Amino acid sequence: MSTLPTDVQQRYDDVRHDVQQRYDDVRDDVATRYEEVRESLQARHDRIVEEFNLRYDAFRSDLKARHEDFKSDAAEPYGLNFWLTRLAADEVEPRELLHILAAFKEYERYLEQLDSNETIEDIHLRLFARSIDPEDREYWAGRLEGGESTFRIIQGMLNAADERDTEAHLALREIATFYYEQVGLKNYDPEQLLFQQGLRSNDELYVELARLDEAYDTLDLAQAGESLDGNPIYRAVVGNGPQTLMIVTQQHGDEPTATEAALYLLELISADTPMAQALRDEVTLVVMPRVNPDGVDRWEALIAVEADPDDTVIPRRNSADIDLNRAYDPDAPLDPELVPEFLAVQQVLNTFRPDLFLDYHNQNNYLNAEGELETISIMWPTHPDVDPAVTAVAQQAALAVAAATDKFAYSNLSLYPGGETPAIARNGLALQDTPILLVEQRGLEEMQLAAFEGLDYDYSAVSSALILESVISMLGVITAMADGSLAAYDPEDAWLIAERGQRIAYEEIYAQVEFDLNEAEEMGLFTDTAELAFSDAAVAMEPPLTGEAELVGLDTVTTTWDVAA
């Protein structure tokens, strides 16, 4: 083996030593820098954690202070842990929580102006949308005068609520939640009421239509006909779009909720807002609110015990005792002198030739597979001779309704069991090539009980939720027509909607155990379920009831509502 010359070997050794030294220096430098960076990052992490803990503790302390201030009873911890748990789970934003507490504090300031009886009445009305019974008012007023806090009163009322009041409260809560989700904290209007008390008579309907006609240049109101008893039947037109949607309500006099919704819808679409203008540019809306006004008169007379049920034509029918929704068979026309209400609908339809027709009704109560009350059922034409293209458009409308109402937690949608009779509007109009969707909401049994047996139940909260559901469904269809999404639905997907469930009678829905409030403590009326009650009590966090009742601030939602996505 040959060896390197001495000078070359020396140079090689020097270079290798130099490289090793540089490597060691770089390694030491990297290690030093890594340690510095690690220590710096650790220090930053520690500072962030410390700052977070300080801020969280500060917020928690602030929350506790606000909570104690809100309750005016620092020794009463109910509710605080509930909100802290929700906060820690990111289920509520800090500013939203503070807004809730601030709103409640504002409400308590308002209550300070009232005496104990007025306070109890106001709280109960906001929780359940009905006046409190006199004996219950006396009980709760006594608790209040005895030093019970407002919070504990609310807790007790919620825990003592029977099935009807519980449903009313849940309806109000879902209305409030939907409204808040649509407008957000920034646009939330605490002066908006959550329910509409009562339903409009014929005279009140005509006054409201006249008001809308006077208020909006975008709305055209005209009398379309006259009932057998001489009541006017109106049609209102808004928009000048290339597509036309026609909506008819209350062919049956005791099916009123969609008529109320139609009035809110007309105001929404007539308003001077970007959303309304965009819809008017794409869709011409034709609405006939209440085509059986004579049935409404008879329904109200029966409720007021001013008519004898044995001598009164049922409100469902017109004054010739004819079901107007059995007059649409094109091959078996009825005597026109007996059904002027139907003729008014037919004439408006012939004038505007709508691309889609929505026919709103009320039905009895049904339970879905989960045991929940179904609130709305829909169905397209099912007569075998209807053009499949006509049926397809109606099925697309059904999917638009499904998408819209899915955003309202109160709503439970199902398919109405369709028959083939050509006499009903759903099939008769479709046989004349008009796509039509039937919409049936719950509440019919309650309306009939009110007329024939009396209804010991204020239905305002539930009917308000149904009215809002109607508006949502109507607006969902209009929006889908306007933005083109209606045509994008696959009609076959409509069959994926669950079929309507089993019928449940009114008395079964509201089966309840009666008890005396004076024995409430023995039944755990003031137990620690208050934490849940506290969350529900948000419904009561509204300011004074003033002016005429309006439903959920629909006028303030117009620029942000997106119910058809």
Protein backbone atom coordinates (compact mmCIF):
# COMPACT_ATOMS: atom_id res chain seq x y z
CA MET A 1 0.00 0.00 0.00
CA SER A 2 1.34 3.40 -0.98
CA THR A 3 1.50 6.25 1.52
CA LEU A 4 0.87 9.95 1.03
CA PRO A 5 3.76 12.33 1.05
CA THR A 6 4.31 13.88 4.43
CA ASP A 7 3.22 17.38 3.34
CA VAL A 8 0.02 16.12 1.69
CA GLN A 9 -0.87 14.04 4.73
CA GLN A 10 -0.36 17.06 6.94
CA ARG A 11 -2.64 19.19 4.81
CA TYR A 12 -5.29 16.47 4.79
CA ASP A 13 -5.18 16.21 8.56
CA ASP A 14 -5.37 19.99 8.92
CA VAL A 15 -8.40 20.21 6.61
CA ARG A 16 -10.19 17.37 8.36
CA HIS A 17 -9.56 18.94 11.75
CA ASP A 18 -10.77 22.30 10.48
CA VAL A 19 -13.96 20.78 9.04
CA GLN A 20 -14.59 18.89 12.29
CA GLN A 21 -14.11 22.07 14.28
CA ARG A 22 -16.47 24.03 12.06
CA TYR A 23 -19.02 21.22 12.31
CA ASP A 24 -18.76 21.23 16.09
CA ASP A 25 -19.10 25.03 16.17
CA VAL A 26 -22.19 24.96 13.93
CA ARG A 27 -23.74 22.15 15.95
CA ASP A 28 -23.14 24.01 19.20
CA ASP A 29 -24.55 27.20 17.67
CA VAL A 30 -27.66 25.41 16.41
CA ALA A 31 -28.16 23.76 19.77
CA THR A 32 -27.77 27.10 21.52
CA ARG A 33 -30.20 28.82 19.15
CA TYR A 34 -32.70 25.97 19.42
CA GLU A 35 -32.63 26.23 23.20
CA GLU A 36 -33.08 30.00 22.99
CA VAL A 37 -36.02 29.63 20.60
CA ARG A 38 -37.55 26.88 22.75
CA GLU A 39 -37.23 29.01 25.87
CA SER A 40 -38.68 31.99 24.01
CA LEU A 41 -41.64 29.95 22.76
CA GLN A 42 -42.20 28.46 26.19
CA ALA A 43 -42.13 31.94 27.70
CA ARG A 44 -44.64 33.18 25.12
CA HIS A 45 -46.84 30.15 25.72
CA ASP A 46 -46.73 30.71 29.47
CA ARG A 47 -47.61 34.39 29.00
CA ILE A 48 -50.53 33.53 26.69
CA VAL A 49 -51.87 30.93 29.12
CA GLU A 50 -51.47 33.33 32.00
CA GLU A 51 -53.18 36.12 30.09
CA PHE A 52 -56.00 33.78 29.04
CA ASN A 53 -56.51 32.61 32.61
CA LEU A 54 -56.50 36.17 33.86
CA ARG A 55 -59.03 37.25 31.24
CA TYR A 56 -61.20 34.19 31.80
CA ASP A 57 -61.12 34.68 35.56
CA ALA A 58 -61.91 38.35 35.08
CA PHE A 59 -64.80 37.52 32.77
CA ARG A 60 -66.01 34.84 35.14
CA SER A 61 -65.91 37.31 38.01
CA ASP A 62 -67.65 39.91 35.89
CA LEU A 63 -70.25 37.36 34.87
CA LYS A 64 -70.84 36.38 38.46
CA ALA A 65 -71.18 40.02 39.45
CA ARG A 66 -73.60 40.68 36.63
CA HIS A 67 -75.49 37.51 37.44
CA GLU A 68 -75.75 38.45 41.09
CA ASP A 69 -76.75 41.98 40.15
CA PHE A 70 -79.32 40.62 37.74
CA LYS A 71 -80.82 38.43 40.45
CA SER A 72 -80.47 41.03 43.18
CA ASP A 73 -79.64 38.07 45.39
CA ALA A 74 -75.93 37.21 45.55
CA ALA A 75 -76.58 34.21 47.77
CA GLU A 76 -78.66 32.49 45.11
CA PRO A 77 -76.35 30.64 42.68
CA TYR A 78 -78.99 29.14 40.37
CA GLY A 79 -78.20 29.56 36.70
CA LEU A 80 -74.59 30.75 36.98
CA ASN A 81 -73.02 27.31 36.64
CA PHE A 82 -75.28 26.56 33.70
CA TRP A 83 -73.98 29.56 31.77
CA LEU A 84 -70.36 28.98 32.80
CA THR A 85 -70.62 25.42 31.51
CA ARG A 86 -72.04 26.63 28.21
CA LEU A 87 -69.31 29.25 28.01
CA ALA A 88 -66.55 26.71 28.61
CA ALA A 89 -68.04 24.42 25.94
CA ASP A 90 -68.07 27.29 23.41
CA GLU A 91 -71.86 27.01 23.18
CA VAL A 92 -72.33 30.71 23.82
CA GLU A 93 -70.19 33.75 23.06
CA PRO A 94 -69.21 35.98 26.00
CA ARG A 95 -70.80 39.08 24.46
CA GLU A 96 -74.02 37.14 23.76
CA LEU A 97 -74.14 36.00 27.35
CA LEU A 98 -73.60 39.51 28.65
CA HIS A 99 -76.31 40.72 26.27
CA ILE A 100 -78.73 38.18 27.73
CA LEU A 101 -77.99 39.24 31.28
CA ALA A 102 -78.16 42.91 30.40
CA ALA A 103 -81.50 42.43 28.67
CA PHE A 104 -82.85 40.60 31.69
CA LYS A 105 -81.63 43.37 33.96
CA GLU A 106 -83.39 45.89 31.74
CA TYR A 107 -86.56 43.85 32.03
CA GLU A 108 -86.27 43.80 35.80
CA ARG A 109 -85.97 47.60 35.79
CA TYR A 110 -89.23 47.71 33.86
CA LEU A 111 -90.88 45.39 36.38
CA GLU A 112 -89.91 47.75 39.19
CA GLN A 113 -92.56 50.14 37.82
CA LEU A 114 -95.30 47.55 38.32
CA ASP A 115 -97.05 46.28 41.38
CA SER A 116 -96.83 42.59 42.26
CA ASN A 117 -100.00 41.57 40.40
CA GLU A 118 -98.94 43.45 37.28
CA THR A 119 -95.47 41.92 37.47
CA ILE A 120 -96.84 38.39 37.66
CA GLU A 121 -99.24 39.06 34.79
CA ASP A 122 -96.45 40.45 32.61
CA ILE A 123 -94.04 37.59 33.31
CA HIS A 124 -96.68 34.96 32.66
CA LEU A 125 -97.76 36.60 29.40
CA ARG A 126 -94.19 36.64 28.14
CA LEU A 127 -93.56 33.04 29.12
CA PHE A 128 -96.79 31.50 27.83
CA ALA A 129 -98.54 34.13 25.65
CA ARG A 130 -101.66 34.11 27.79
CA SER A 131 -103.02 35.87 30.84
CA ILE A 132 -102.53 34.07 34.12
CA ASP A 133 -105.48 32.57 35.99
CA PRO A 134 -106.60 34.77 38.92
CA GLU A 135 -105.86 32.18 41.61
CA ASP A 136 -102.40 31.53 40.19
CA ARG A 137 -101.74 35.27 40.01
CA GLU A 138 -102.60 35.56 43.68
CA TYR A 139 -100.23 32.71 44.57
CA TRP A 140 -97.24 34.07 42.63
CA ALA A 141 -97.86 37.65 43.74
CA GLY A 142 -97.74 36.40 47.32
CA ARG A 143 -94.41 34.72 46.65
CA LEU A 144 -93.08 37.92 45.10
CA GLU A 145 -94.26 40.07 48.00
CA GLY A 146 -92.69 37.56 50.35
CA GLY A 147 -89.24 38.31 48.91
CA GLU A 148 -88.94 35.71 46.17
CA SER A 149 -86.71 36.92 43.34
CA THR A 150 -87.95 37.43 39.81
CA PHE A 151 -85.70 34.63 38.67
CA ARG A 152 -87.18 32.20 41.17
CA ILE A 153 -90.69 33.21 40.10
CA ILE A 154 -89.82 32.46 36.48
CA GLN A 155 -88.22 29.18 37.50
CA GLY A 156 -91.31 28.19 39.45
CA MET A 157 -93.73 29.12 36.66
CA LEU A 158 -91.77 27.05 34.15
CA ASN A 159 -91.54 24.07 36.47
CA ALA A 160 -95.26 24.26 37.29
CA ALA A 161 -96.39 24.67 33.66
CA ASP A 162 -98.87 22.11 32.36
CA GLU A 163 -98.54 20.48 28.95
CA ARG A 164 -100.32 23.31 27.13
CA ASP A 165 -98.26 26.07 28.71
CA THR A 166 -95.08 24.06 28.17
CA GLU A 167 -95.86 23.78 24.47
CA ALA A 168 -96.69 27.48 24.31
CA HIS A 169 -93.38 28.35 25.95
CA LEU A 170 -91.41 26.11 23.60
CA ALA A 171 -93.18 27.68 20.61
CA LEU A 172 -92.23 31.16 21.83
CA ARG A 173 -88.67 30.06 22.46
CA GLU A 174 -88.29 28.68 18.93
CA ILE A 175 -89.74 31.88 17.47
CA ALA A 176 -87.26 33.94 19.48
CA THR A 177 -84.37 31.66 18.54
CA PHE A 178 -85.21 31.81 14.85
CA TYR A 179 -85.47 35.59 14.92
CA TYR A 180 -82.14 35.94 16.74
CA GLU A 181 -80.42 33.53 14.33
CA GLN A 182 -81.62 35.56 11.36
CA VAL A 183 -80.65 39.05 12.52
CA GLY A 184 -77.76 38.36 14.91
CA LEU A 185 -76.80 40.37 17.97
CA LYS A 186 -76.05 43.57 16.05
CA ASN A 187 -79.50 43.84 14.45
CA TYR A 188 -81.47 42.22 17.26
CA ASP A 189 -84.42 44.42 18.20
CA PRO A 190 -85.49 43.74 21.79
CA GLU A 191 -88.78 45.57 21.21
CA GLN A 192 -90.04 42.90 18.84
CA LEU A 193 -92.88 40.87 20.31
CA LEU A 194 -92.80 37.12 19.99
CA PHE A 195 -96.44 36.39 19.34
CA GLN A 196 -99.67 37.65 17.84
CA GLN A 197 -102.68 37.61 20.13
CA GLY A 198 -105.82 36.62 18.28
CA LEU A 199 -106.68 36.22 14.61
CA ARG A 200 -108.17 38.85 12.33
CA SER A 201 -111.88 39.08 11.64
CA ASN A 202 -113.07 39.92 8.14
CA ASP A 203 -113.29 43.61 8.97
CA GLU A 204 -109.79 43.55 10.48
CA LEU A 205 -108.49 41.76 7.40
CA TYR A 206 -109.97 44.41 5.11
CA VAL A 207 -108.51 47.19 7.24
CA GLU A 208 -105.06 45.60 7.08
CA LEU A 209 -105.24 45.11 3.31
CA ALA A 210 -106.26 48.77 2.91
CA ARG A 211 -103.35 49.84 5.09
CA LEU A 212 -100.89 47.85 3.00
CA ASP A 213 -102.36 49.28 -0.18
CA GLU A 214 -101.99 52.79 1.16
CA ALA A 215 -98.49 52.25 2.53
CA TYR A 216 -96.84 50.62 -0.50
CA ASP A 217 -96.86 51.78 -4.11
CA THR A 218 -95.46 48.37 -4.98
CA LEU A 219 -98.71 46.63 -3.98
CA ASP A 220 -101.84 46.56 -6.15
CA LEU A 221 -105.05 45.65 -4.29
CA ALA A 222 -108.33 44.95 -6.06
CA GLN A 223 -111.58 43.18 -5.28
CA ALA A 224 -111.70 39.90 -7.16
CA GLY A 225 -115.21 38.86 -6.25
CA GLU A 226 -117.89 38.66 -3.61
CA SER A 227 -119.07 35.84 -1.38
CA LEU A 228 -122.64 34.57 -1.20
CA ASP A 229 -123.21 36.74 1.89
CA GLY A 230 -121.78 39.81 0.20
CA ASN A 231 -118.30 39.82 1.76
CA PRO A 232 -115.60 41.12 -0.60
CA ILE A 233 -112.84 38.77 -1.75
CA TYR A 234 -109.55 40.50 -2.59
CA ARG A 235 -106.45 39.78 -4.53
CA ALA A 236 -103.16 41.58 -3.92
CA VAL A 237 -100.35 41.70 -6.49
CA VAL A 238 -96.74 42.61 -5.77
CA GLY A 239 -93.87 42.57 -8.26
CA ASN A 240 -93.53 42.40 -12.03
CA GLY A 241 -91.19 39.47 -12.51
CA PRO A 242 -91.38 37.03 -15.41
CA GLN A 243 -92.44 34.19 -13.08
CA THR A 244 -95.75 34.24 -11.23
CA LEU A 245 -96.56 32.64 -7.86
CA MET A 246 -100.18 32.54 -6.69
CA ILE A 247 -101.08 31.85 -3.06
CA VAL A 248 -104.61 31.14 -1.84
CA THR A 249 -105.58 30.82 1.82
CA GLN A 250 -108.63 29.88 3.86
CA GLN A 251 -110.85 28.10 1.37
CA HIS A 252 -112.19 26.67 4.62
CA GLY A 253 -113.36 29.31 7.08
CA ASP A 254 -111.93 27.63 10.18
CA GLU A 255 -108.38 27.29 8.80
CA PRO A 256 -106.93 30.75 9.47
CA THR A 257 -103.18 30.68 10.15
CA ALA A 258 -101.94 31.08 6.56
CA THR A 259 -104.14 34.16 6.05
CA GLU A 260 -102.21 35.92 8.81
CA ALA A 261 -98.95 34.75 7.22
CA ALA A 262 -100.02 36.05 3.81
CA LEU A 263 -100.41 39.55 5.25
CA TYR A 264 -96.89 39.48 6.69
CA LEU A 265 -95.61 38.16 3.38
CA LEU A 266 -97.25 40.96 1.41
CA GLU A 267 -95.60 43.54 3.64
CA LEU A 268 -92.23 41.80 3.35
CA ILE A 269 -92.29 41.69 -0.45
CA SER A 270 -93.74 45.20 -0.79
CA ALA A 271 -91.10 46.84 1.40
CA ASP A 272 -88.33 49.13 0.22
CA THR A 273 -85.49 46.70 0.87
CA PRO A 274 -82.86 45.19 -1.44
CA MET A 275 -84.22 41.71 -0.83
CA ALA A 276 -87.81 42.67 -1.59
CA GLN A 277 -86.78 44.57 -4.72
CA ALA A 278 -84.76 41.60 -5.96
CA LEU A 279 -87.73 39.27 -5.46
CA ARG A 280 -90.15 41.69 -7.16
CA ASP A 281 -87.87 41.87 -10.18
CA GLU A 282 -87.98 38.08 -10.62
CA VAL A 283 -91.40 37.03 -9.32
CA THR A 284 -94.92 38.41 -9.60
CA LEU A 285 -96.69 37.48 -6.36
CA VAL A 286 -100.49 37.12 -6.44
CA VAL A 287 -102.18 36.53 -3.08
CA MET A 288 -105.83 35.83 -2.30
CA PRO A 289 -106.02 35.91 1.50
CA ARG A 290 -109.23 34.27 2.76
CA VAL A 291 -111.52 33.18 -0.06
CA ASN A 292 -114.23 31.94 2.33
CA PRO A 293 -115.06 35.00 4.43
CA ASP A 294 -118.61 33.78 5.12
CA GLY A 295 -117.21 30.68 6.82
CA VAL A 296 -115.06 32.96 8.98
CA ASP A 297 -118.13 34.95 10.06
CA ARG A 298 -119.90 31.75 11.07
CA TRP A 299 -116.81 30.43 12.83
CA GLU A 300 -116.50 33.60 14.91
CA ALA A 301 -120.22 33.58 15.71
CA LEU A 302 -119.97 30.02 16.98
CA ILE A 303 -116.95 30.88 19.14
CA ALA A 304 -118.82 33.85 20.60
CA VAL A 305 -121.86 31.61 21.23
CA GLU A 306 -123.89 33.90 18.98
CA ALA A 307 -124.97 31.07 16.66
CA ASP A 308 -126.62 27.71 17.20
CA PRO A 309 -124.38 24.87 15.95
CA ASP A 310 -127.46 22.84 14.98
CA ASP A 311 -128.73 25.60 12.69
CA THR A 312 -125.40 26.86 11.34
CA VAL A 313 -123.60 25.68 8.21
CA ILE A 314 -120.21 24.46 9.34
CA PRO A 315 -117.48 27.11 8.86
CA ARG A 316 -115.53 24.79 6.57
CA ARG A 317 -118.11 25.32 3.82
CA ASN A 318 -119.48 28.36 2.05
CA SER A 319 -123.00 29.61 2.77
CA ALA A 320 -124.50 27.26 0.16
CA ASP A 321 -123.09 24.39 2.25
CA ILE A 322 -120.50 23.58 -0.41
CA ASP A 323 -116.87 22.73 0.25
CA LEU A 324 -115.01 25.20 -1.98
CA ASN A 325 -112.10 22.79 -2.22
CA ARG A 326 -114.37 20.31 -3.98
CA ALA A 327 -115.26 22.61 -6.87
CA TYR A 328 -112.20 22.15 -9.11
CA ASP A 329 -113.11 19.14 -11.25
CA PRO A 330 -112.83 20.50 -14.81
CA ASP A 331 -115.24 17.82 -16.06
CA ALA A 332 -117.91 18.42 -13.42
CA PRO A 333 -118.35 22.17 -12.89
CA LEU A 334 -120.69 23.32 -10.12
CA ASP A 335 -123.49 25.85 -10.47
CA PRO A 336 -121.58 29.18 -10.59
CA GLU A 337 -124.30 30.90 -8.57
CA LEU A 338 -123.55 28.60 -5.64
CA VAL A 339 -119.76 29.07 -5.64
CA PRO A 340 -118.91 32.71 -6.40
CA GLU A 341 -115.84 32.34 -4.15
CA PHE A 342 -114.47 29.59 -6.40
CA LEU A 343 -115.21 31.72 -9.47
CA ALA A 344 -113.17 34.57 -7.99
CA VAL A 345 -110.18 32.24 -7.59
CA GLN A 346 -110.64 30.90 -11.12
CA GLN A 347 -110.83 34.37 -12.65
CA VAL A 348 -107.66 35.54 -10.91
CA LEU A 349 -105.92 32.36 -11.96
CA ASN A 350 -107.00 32.84 -15.58
CA THR A 351 -105.79 36.44 -15.52
CA PHE A 352 -102.32 35.76 -14.17
CA ARG A 353 -101.68 32.17 -15.32
CA PRO A 354 -99.29 31.39 -12.44
CA ASP A 355 -96.22 29.21 -12.89
CA LEU A 356 -96.89 27.81 -9.42
CA PHE A 357 -99.88 27.77 -7.07
CA LEU A 358 -99.73 27.29 -3.26
CA ASP A 359 -102.95 26.23 -1.51
CA TYR A 360 -102.80 26.65 2.32
CA HIS A 361 -104.99 24.78 4.84
CA ASN A 362 -105.00 23.49 8.43
CA GLN A 363 -105.22 19.83 9.41
CA ASN A 364 -105.57 17.78 12.60
CA ASN A 365 -102.68 16.78 14.85
CA TYR A 366 -100.26 13.98 13.94
CA LEU A 367 -97.14 12.48 15.51
CA ASN A 368 -94.01 11.61 13.55
CA ALA A 369 -91.86 8.53 14.14
CA GLU A 370 -89.95 10.35 16.90
CA GLY A 371 -93.16 11.13 18.77
CA GLU A 372 -93.05 14.84 17.85
CA LEU A 373 -96.07 16.81 16.71
CA GLU A 374 -95.96 17.40 12.98
CA THR A 375 -96.56 21.04 12.19
CA ILE A 376 -96.83 21.01 8.39
CA SER A 377 -97.64 18.47 5.65
CA ILE A 378 -97.33 18.97 1.90
CA MET A 379 -98.35 17.13 -1.26
CA TRP A 380 -98.24 17.65 -5.02
CA PRO A 381 -100.85 16.51 -7.58
CA THR A 382 -101.53 12.77 -7.48
CA HIS A 383 -104.19 12.30 -10.15
CA PRO A 384 -102.86 9.83 -12.75
CA ASP A 385 -103.79 12.07 -15.70
CA VAL A 386 -101.73 15.05 -14.55
CA ASP A 387 -98.81 15.90 -16.83
CA PRO A 388 -95.62 14.61 -15.12
CA ALA A 389 -93.92 17.92 -15.91
CA VAL A 390 -96.62 19.73 -13.90
CA THR A 391 -96.16 17.34 -10.99
CA ALA A 392 -92.38 17.78 -11.13
CA VAL A 393 -92.62 21.55 -10.60
CA ALA A 394 -94.88 21.00 -7.58
CA GLN A 395 -92.40 18.48 -6.18
CA GLN A 396 -89.61 21.02 -6.59
CA ALA A 397 -91.74 23.50 -4.65
CA ALA A 398 -92.14 20.86 -1.94
CA LEU A 399 -88.37 20.61 -1.65
CA ALA A 400 -88.10 24.39 -1.43
CA VAL A 401 -90.59 24.34 1.46
CA ALA A 402 -88.62 21.53 3.11
CA ALA A 403 -85.35 23.45 2.82
CA ALA A 404 -86.89 26.65 4.19
CA THR A 405 -88.76 25.15 7.14
CA ASP A 406 -85.72 23.07 8.10
CA LYS A 407 -84.21 26.32 9.39
CA PHE A 408 -87.06 26.71 11.90
CA ALA A 409 -86.61 24.27 14.78
CA TYR A 410 -90.33 24.32 15.64
CA SER A 411 -91.23 22.94 12.22
CA ASN A 412 -91.74 19.20 11.61
CA LEU A 413 -92.52 18.44 7.97
CA SER A 414 -94.24 15.40 6.47
CA LEU A 415 -96.00 14.26 3.29
CA TYR A 416 -99.77 14.64 3.22
CA PRO A 417 -101.46 11.40 2.06
CA GLY A 418 -102.67 12.34 -1.40
CA GLY A 419 -105.80 11.04 -3.10
CA GLU A 420 -106.80 11.08 -6.75
CA THR A 421 -110.10 12.99 -6.64
CA PRO A 422 -110.13 15.66 -9.39
CA ALA A 423 -112.47 17.94 -7.41
CA ILE A 424 -109.80 19.26 -5.03
CA ALA A 425 -107.63 22.17 -6.11
CA ARG A 426 -104.43 20.12 -5.85
CA ASN A 427 -105.61 17.79 -8.65
CA GLY A 428 -108.22 19.85 -10.49
CA LEU A 429 -105.89 22.76 -11.23
CA ALA A 430 -103.05 20.41 -12.11
CA LEU A 431 -105.31 18.73 -14.67
CA GLN A 432 -105.52 22.19 -16.26
CA ASP A 433 -101.69 22.36 -16.31
CA THR A 434 -101.18 24.55 -13.23
CA PRO A 435 -98.42 23.23 -10.92
CA ILE A 436 -99.86 23.30 -7.41
CA LEU A 437 -98.66 22.36 -3.95
CA LEU A 438 -100.99 21.67 -1.04
CA VAL A 439 -99.75 22.93 2.34
CA GLU A 440 -101.51 21.70 5.49
CA GLN A 441 -100.58 22.97 8.96
CA ARG A 442 -101.68 21.62 12.31
CA GLY A 443 -104.37 23.35 14.38
CA LEU A 444 -107.65 22.37 12.72
CA GLU A 445 -108.98 20.38 15.66
CA GLU A 446 -108.28 23.26 18.02
CA MET A 447 -110.11 25.69 15.70
CA GLN A 448 -113.12 23.38 15.47
CA LEU A 449 -113.18 22.79 19.21
CA ALA A 450 -113.16 26.55 19.74
CA ALA A 451 -116.29 26.83 17.61
CA PHE A 452 -118.33 23.84 18.74
CA GLU A 453 -117.25 22.94 22.27
CA GLY A 454 -115.15 25.84 23.51
CA LEU A 455 -111.38 25.80 23.89
CA ASP A 456 -110.05 26.43 27.40
CA TYR A 457 -106.64 27.19 25.97
CA ASP A 458 -105.12 30.38 24.59
CA TYR A 459 -103.64 29.23 21.28
CA SER A 460 -101.71 32.46 20.60
CA ALA A 461 -98.19 31.07 21.03
CA VAL A 462 -98.75 27.98 18.89
CA SER A 463 -100.69 29.85 16.20
CA SER A 464 -97.89 32.46 16.10
CA ALA A 465 -95.33 29.71 15.50
CA LEU A 466 -97.54 28.28 12.74
CA ILE A 467 -97.94 31.73 11.18
CA LEU A 468 -94.17 32.18 11.16
CA GLU A 469 -93.78 28.71 9.66
CA SER A 470 -96.20 29.70 6.88
CA VAL A 471 -94.24 32.85 6.14
CA ILE A 472 -91.00 30.88 6.04
CA SER A 473 -92.46 28.34 3.64
CA MET A 474 -93.92 31.00 1.35
CA LEU A 475 -90.74 33.03 1.34
CA GLY A 476 -88.69 29.90 0.73
CA VAL A 477 -90.63 29.16 -2.46
CA ILE A 478 -90.47 32.75 -3.73
CA THR A 479 -86.74 32.93 -3.09
CA ALA A 480 -86.15 29.61 -4.84
CA MET A 481 -88.10 30.83 -7.86
CA ALA A 482 -86.22 34.11 -7.93
CA ASP A 483 -82.69 32.73 -7.63
CA GLY A 484 -83.26 29.75 -9.92
CA SER A 485 -82.68 27.12 -7.26
CA LEU A 486 -86.24 25.79 -7.61
CA ALA A 487 -85.45 24.30 -11.01
CA ALA A 488 -82.26 22.72 -9.65
CA TYR A 489 -84.13 20.41 -7.27
CA ASP A 490 -84.51 16.79 -8.33
CA PRO A 491 -88.28 16.15 -8.17
CA GLU A 492 -87.72 12.54 -7.14
CA ASP A 493 -86.07 13.74 -3.91
CA ALA A 494 -89.49 14.91 -2.73
CA TRP A 495 -90.37 11.29 -2.03
CA LEU A 496 -87.64 11.25 0.64
CA ILE A 497 -89.80 13.45 2.87
CA ALA A 498 -91.29 11.32 5.66
CA GLU A 499 -94.92 10.27 5.38
CA ARG A 500 -97.41 11.78 7.79
CA GLY A 501 -97.62 9.92 11.10
CA GLN A 502 -100.45 8.74 13.31
CA ARG A 503 -103.34 10.96 14.36
CA ILE A 504 -103.38 12.10 17.98
CA ALA A 505 -106.42 13.72 19.56
CA TYR A 506 -106.30 17.08 21.29
CA GLU A 507 -107.08 15.64 24.72
CA GLU A 508 -104.22 13.16 24.38
CA ILE A 509 -101.72 15.87 23.50
CA TYR A 510 -102.56 17.89 26.56
CA ALA A 511 -103.14 15.13 29.09
CA GLN A 512 -101.99 16.57 32.38
CA VAL A 513 -102.02 16.24 36.13
CA GLU A 514 -103.63 19.12 37.97
CA PHE A 515 -102.18 20.23 41.31
CA ASP A 516 -102.53 23.07 43.74
CA LEU A 517 -99.69 25.61 43.60
CA ASN A 518 -99.85 25.97 47.36
CA GLU A 519 -98.56 22.39 47.55
CA ALA A 520 -95.88 23.07 44.95
CA GLU A 521 -92.87 22.95 47.27
CA GLU A 522 -93.73 19.38 48.21
CA MET A 523 -93.54 18.49 44.51
CA GLY A 524 -90.13 20.06 44.00
CA LEU A 525 -91.37 23.21 42.29
CA PHE A 526 -88.25 25.10 43.33
CA THR A 527 -85.67 22.39 42.66
CA ASP A 528 -82.30 22.84 41.00
CA THR A 529 -83.83 22.30 37.58
CA ALA A 530 -83.72 26.06 37.73
CA GLU A 531 -80.51 26.02 35.71
CA LEU A 532 -82.44 24.76 32.69
CA ALA A 533 -85.33 27.04 33.50
CA PHE A 534 -82.93 29.96 33.51
CA SER A 535 -81.98 29.28 29.91
CA ASP A 536 -85.62 29.06 28.92
CA ALA A 537 -86.35 32.30 30.71
CA ALA A 538 -84.73 34.23 27.87
CA VAL A 539 -88.23 34.43 26.43
CA ALA A 540 -89.11 36.82 29.25
CA MET A 541 -86.17 39.12 28.53
CA GLU A 542 -88.17 41.44 26.34
CA PRO A 543 -89.12 45.03 27.20
CA PRO A 544 -92.67 46.24 27.89
CA LEU A 545 -95.55 45.11 25.70
CA THR A 546 -96.50 48.25 23.83
CA GLY A 547 -98.61 49.00 20.78
CA GLU A 548 -100.20 46.42 18.53
CA ALA A 549 -98.76 42.93 18.53
CA GLU A 550 -96.49 42.10 15.61
CA LEU A 551 -95.00 38.74 14.86
CA VAL A 552 -91.26 38.43 15.44
CA GLY A 553 -90.17 41.59 13.71
CA LEU A 554 -90.57 40.33 10.18
CA ASP A 555 -90.07 43.89 8.96
CA THR A 556 -86.55 43.96 10.40
CA VAL A 557 -85.48 40.62 8.99
CA THR A 558 -85.85 41.44 5.32
CA THR A 559 -82.22 42.22 4.57
CA THR A 560 -80.72 39.19 6.26
CA TRP A 561 -83.17 36.32 5.93
CA ASP A 562 -81.81 33.38 4.00
CA VAL A 563 -84.39 30.66 4.37
CA ALA A 564 -84.07 28.95 1.02
CA ALA A 565 -80.41 28.00 0.92
